[in-house]
Amino acid sequence: MMDTANKAPIQLTATAVEIVKQLLQGNTEAPYLRVGVKGGGCSGVAYMLGFDAIMEDDDLFDVAGVPVIMKKAHGMYLMGMEIDYQQGSDATGFVFRQPGS
């Protein structure tokens, strides 16, 4: 089977996919999962996750059935990143992980 879509720079774990699909359900205003970075400088890069509409300078990826958008310039910062959803006693939410680190 030919894969015509660009390979997404990020991966979503099964749990993250499940949660995102629930959150996206019925969301017509912002039907895409936006993954991005902000900052840089001495504090490093902060990762962002949210729901948004697609814009002209976005790349669109299908990650396990989730429509993911990101600014073209952000791809290099997100390359290889895995996004998980954790439900723990101390913290619940999405976590960015660089595999192997």
C-alpha atoms as a PDB file:
ATOM      1  CA  MET A   1       0.000   0.000   0.000  1.00  0.00           C
ATOM      2  CA  MET A   2       1.419   3.377  -0.985  1.00  0.00           C
ATOM      3  CA  ASP A   3       1.556   5.998   1.730  1.00  0.00           C
ATOM      4  CA  THR A   4       0.721   9.278   0.048  1.00  0.00           C
ATOM      5  CA  ALA A   5       0.644  11.354   3.226  1.00  0.00           C
ATOM      6  CA  ASN A   6       3.826  12.915   4.539  1.00  0.00           C
ATOM      7  CA  LYS A   7       5.250  10.958   7.412  1.00  0.00           C
ATOM      8  CA  ALA A   8       4.345  12.810  10.573  1.00  0.00           C
ATOM      9  CA  PRO A   9       7.304  13.967  12.651  1.00  0.00           C
ATOM     10  CA  ILE A  10       5.415  12.987  15.808  1.00  0.00           C
ATOM     11  CA  GLN A  11       3.756   9.859  17.164  1.00  0.00           C
ATOM     12  CA  LEU A  12       0.734   9.585  19.442  1.00  0.00           C
ATOM     13  CA  THR A  13       0.374   6.718  21.886  1.00  0.00           C
ATOM     14  CA  ALA A  14      -2.863   4.714  21.834  1.00  0.00           C
ATOM     15  CA  THR A  15      -4.067   6.462  24.996  1.00  0.00           C
ATOM     16  CA  ALA A  16      -3.339   9.907  23.539  1.00  0.00           C
ATOM     17  CA  VAL A  17      -5.211   9.002  20.325  1.00  0.00           C
ATOM     18  CA  GLU A  18      -8.225   7.868  22.345  1.00  0.00           C
ATOM     19  CA  ILE A  19      -8.362  11.077  24.422  1.00  0.00           C
ATOM     20  CA  VAL A  20      -7.780  13.385  21.435  1.00  0.00           C
ATOM     21  CA  LYS A  21     -10.530  11.676  19.427  1.00  0.00           C
ATOM     22  CA  GLN A  22     -12.929  12.158  22.354  1.00  0.00           C
ATOM     23  CA  LEU A  23     -11.975  15.824  22.641  1.00  0.00           C
ATOM     24  CA  LEU A  24     -12.272  16.411  18.888  1.00  0.00           C
ATOM     25  CA  GLN A  25     -15.684  14.791  18.656  1.00  0.00           C
ATOM     26  CA  GLY A  26     -18.205  17.358  17.497  1.00  0.00           C
ATOM     27  CA  ASN A  27     -15.604  20.127  17.479  1.00  0.00           C
ATOM     28  CA  THR A  28     -16.342  21.921  14.217  1.00  0.00           C
ATOM     29  CA  GLU A  29     -14.628  25.234  15.093  1.00  0.00           C
ATOM     30  CA  ALA A  30     -11.236  23.688  15.740  1.00  0.00           C
ATOM     31  CA  PRO A  31     -11.253  20.194  14.249  1.00  0.00           C
ATOM     32  CA  TYR A  32      -7.463  19.701  14.235  1.00  0.00           C
ATOM     33  CA  LEU A  33      -4.926  18.866  16.913  1.00  0.00           C
ATOM     34  CA  ARG A  34      -2.256  21.578  16.785  1.00  0.00           C
ATOM     35  CA  VAL A  35       1.210  20.623  17.959  1.00  0.00           C
ATOM     36  CA  GLY A  36       3.806  23.353  18.163  1.00  0.00           C
ATOM     37  CA  VAL A  37       6.701  24.934  19.947  1.00  0.00           C
ATOM     38  CA  LYS A  38       7.226  28.316  21.448  1.00  0.00           C
ATOM     39  CA  GLY A  39      10.187  30.086  22.892  1.00  0.00           C
ATOM     40  CA  GLY A  40      13.706  28.961  22.417  1.00  0.00           C
ATOM     41  CA  GLY A  41      16.455  31.026  23.992  1.00  0.00           C
ATOM     42  CA  CYS A  42      18.104  29.994  27.240  1.00  0.00           C
ATOM     43  CA  SER A  43      15.055  28.249  28.682  1.00  0.00           C
ATOM     44  CA  GLY A  44      14.845  25.941  25.677  1.00  0.00           C
ATOM     45  CA  VAL A  45      11.711  25.142  23.750  1.00  0.00           C
ATOM     46  CA  ALA A  46       8.254  24.735  25.253  1.00  0.00           C
ATOM     47  CA  TYR A  47       5.894  22.326  23.524  1.00  0.00           C
ATOM     48  CA  MET A  48       2.283  23.266  22.911  1.00  0.00           C
ATOM     49  CA  LEU A  49      -0.802  21.228  22.235  1.00  0.00           C
ATOM     50  CA  GLY A  50      -4.260  22.516  21.435  1.00  0.00           C
ATOM     51  CA  PHE A  51      -7.209  22.407  19.087  1.00  0.00           C
ATOM     52  CA  ASP A  52      -7.301  24.766  16.151  1.00  0.00           C
ATOM     53  CA  ALA A  53      -8.425  25.450  12.607  1.00  0.00           C
ATOM     54  CA  ILE A  54      -5.950  24.851   9.800  1.00  0.00           C
ATOM     55  CA  MET A  55      -3.987  27.825   8.454  1.00  0.00           C
ATOM     56  CA  GLU A  56      -2.098  28.503   5.266  1.00  0.00           C
ATOM     57  CA  ASP A  57       1.374  27.797   6.633  1.00  0.00           C
ATOM     58  CA  ASP A  58       0.399  24.548   8.356  1.00  0.00           C
ATOM     59  CA  ASP A  59       1.418  21.024   7.463  1.00  0.00           C
ATOM     60  CA  LEU A  60      -1.346  18.462   7.914  1.00  0.00           C
ATOM     61  CA  PHE A  61      -0.610  14.916   9.031  1.00  0.00           C
ATOM     62  CA  ASP A  62      -2.751  11.918   9.798  1.00  0.00           C
ATOM     63  CA  VAL A  63      -1.434  10.354  12.991  1.00  0.00           C
ATOM     64  CA  ALA A  64      -3.358   7.171  13.789  1.00  0.00           C
ATOM     65  CA  GLY A  65      -6.543   8.718  12.442  1.00  0.00           C
ATOM     66  CA  VAL A  66      -6.057  12.048  14.229  1.00  0.00           C
ATOM     67  CA  PRO A  67      -5.738  15.139  12.000  1.00  0.00           C
ATOM     68  CA  VAL A  68      -2.600  16.864  13.285  1.00  0.00           C
ATOM     69  CA  ILE A  69      -1.479  20.310  12.125  1.00  0.00           C
ATOM     70  CA  MET A  70       1.744  22.152  12.774  1.00  0.00           C
ATOM     71  CA  LYS A  71       3.574  25.145  11.384  1.00  0.00           C
ATOM     72  CA  LYS A  72       6.067  24.083   8.719  1.00  0.00           C
ATOM     73  CA  ALA A  73       8.893  25.663  10.738  1.00  0.00           C
ATOM     74  CA  HIS A  74       8.080  23.608  13.855  1.00  0.00           C
ATOM     75  CA  GLY A  75       8.585  20.177  12.301  1.00  0.00           C
ATOM     76  CA  MET A  76      12.317  20.103  12.947  1.00  0.00           C
ATOM     77  CA  TYR A  77      11.802  20.756  16.674  1.00  0.00           C
ATOM     78  CA  LEU A  78       9.165  18.055  16.956  1.00  0.00           C
ATOM     79  CA  MET A  79      10.915  15.372  14.898  1.00  0.00           C
ATOM     80  CA  GLY A  80      10.669  11.985  16.593  1.00  0.00           C
ATOM     81  CA  MET A  81       8.567  13.293  19.484  1.00  0.00           C
ATOM     82  CA  GLU A  82       6.063  10.967  21.111  1.00  0.00           C
ATOM     83  CA  ILE A  83       2.980  12.411  22.760  1.00  0.00           C
ATOM     84  CA  ASP A  84       1.347  10.386  25.482  1.00  0.00           C
ATOM     85  CA  TYR A  85      -1.585  10.989  27.768  1.00  0.00           C
ATOM     86  CA  GLN A  86      -0.919  10.135  31.378  1.00  0.00           C
ATOM     87  CA  GLN A  87      -3.425   9.734  34.148  1.00  0.00           C
ATOM     88  CA  GLY A  88      -1.555   9.709  37.411  1.00  0.00           C
ATOM     89  CA  SER A  89      -2.160  10.650  41.009  1.00  0.00           C
ATOM     90  CA  ASP A  90       0.157  13.646  40.731  1.00  0.00           C
ATOM     91  CA  ALA A  91      -0.482  14.760  37.140  1.00  0.00           C
ATOM     92  CA  THR A  92      -2.921  14.127  34.355  1.00  0.00           C
ATOM     93  CA  GLY A  93      -2.428  15.377  30.843  1.00  0.00           C
ATOM     94  CA  PHE A  94      -0.448  15.199  27.660  1.00  0.00           C
ATOM     95  CA  VAL A  95       3.278  14.576  27.911  1.00  0.00           C
ATOM     96  CA  PHE A  96       5.950  15.098  25.265  1.00  0.00           C
ATOM     97  CA  ARG A  97       8.659  12.432  25.217  1.00  0.00           C
ATOM     98  CA  GLN A  98      11.762  12.147  23.087  1.00  0.00           C
ATOM     99  CA  PRO A  99      12.219   8.385  22.688  1.00  0.00           C
ATOM    100  CA  GLY A 100      15.558   7.198  23.918  1.00  0.00           C
ATOM    101  CA  SER A 101      16.011  10.098  26.310  1.00  0.00           C
END
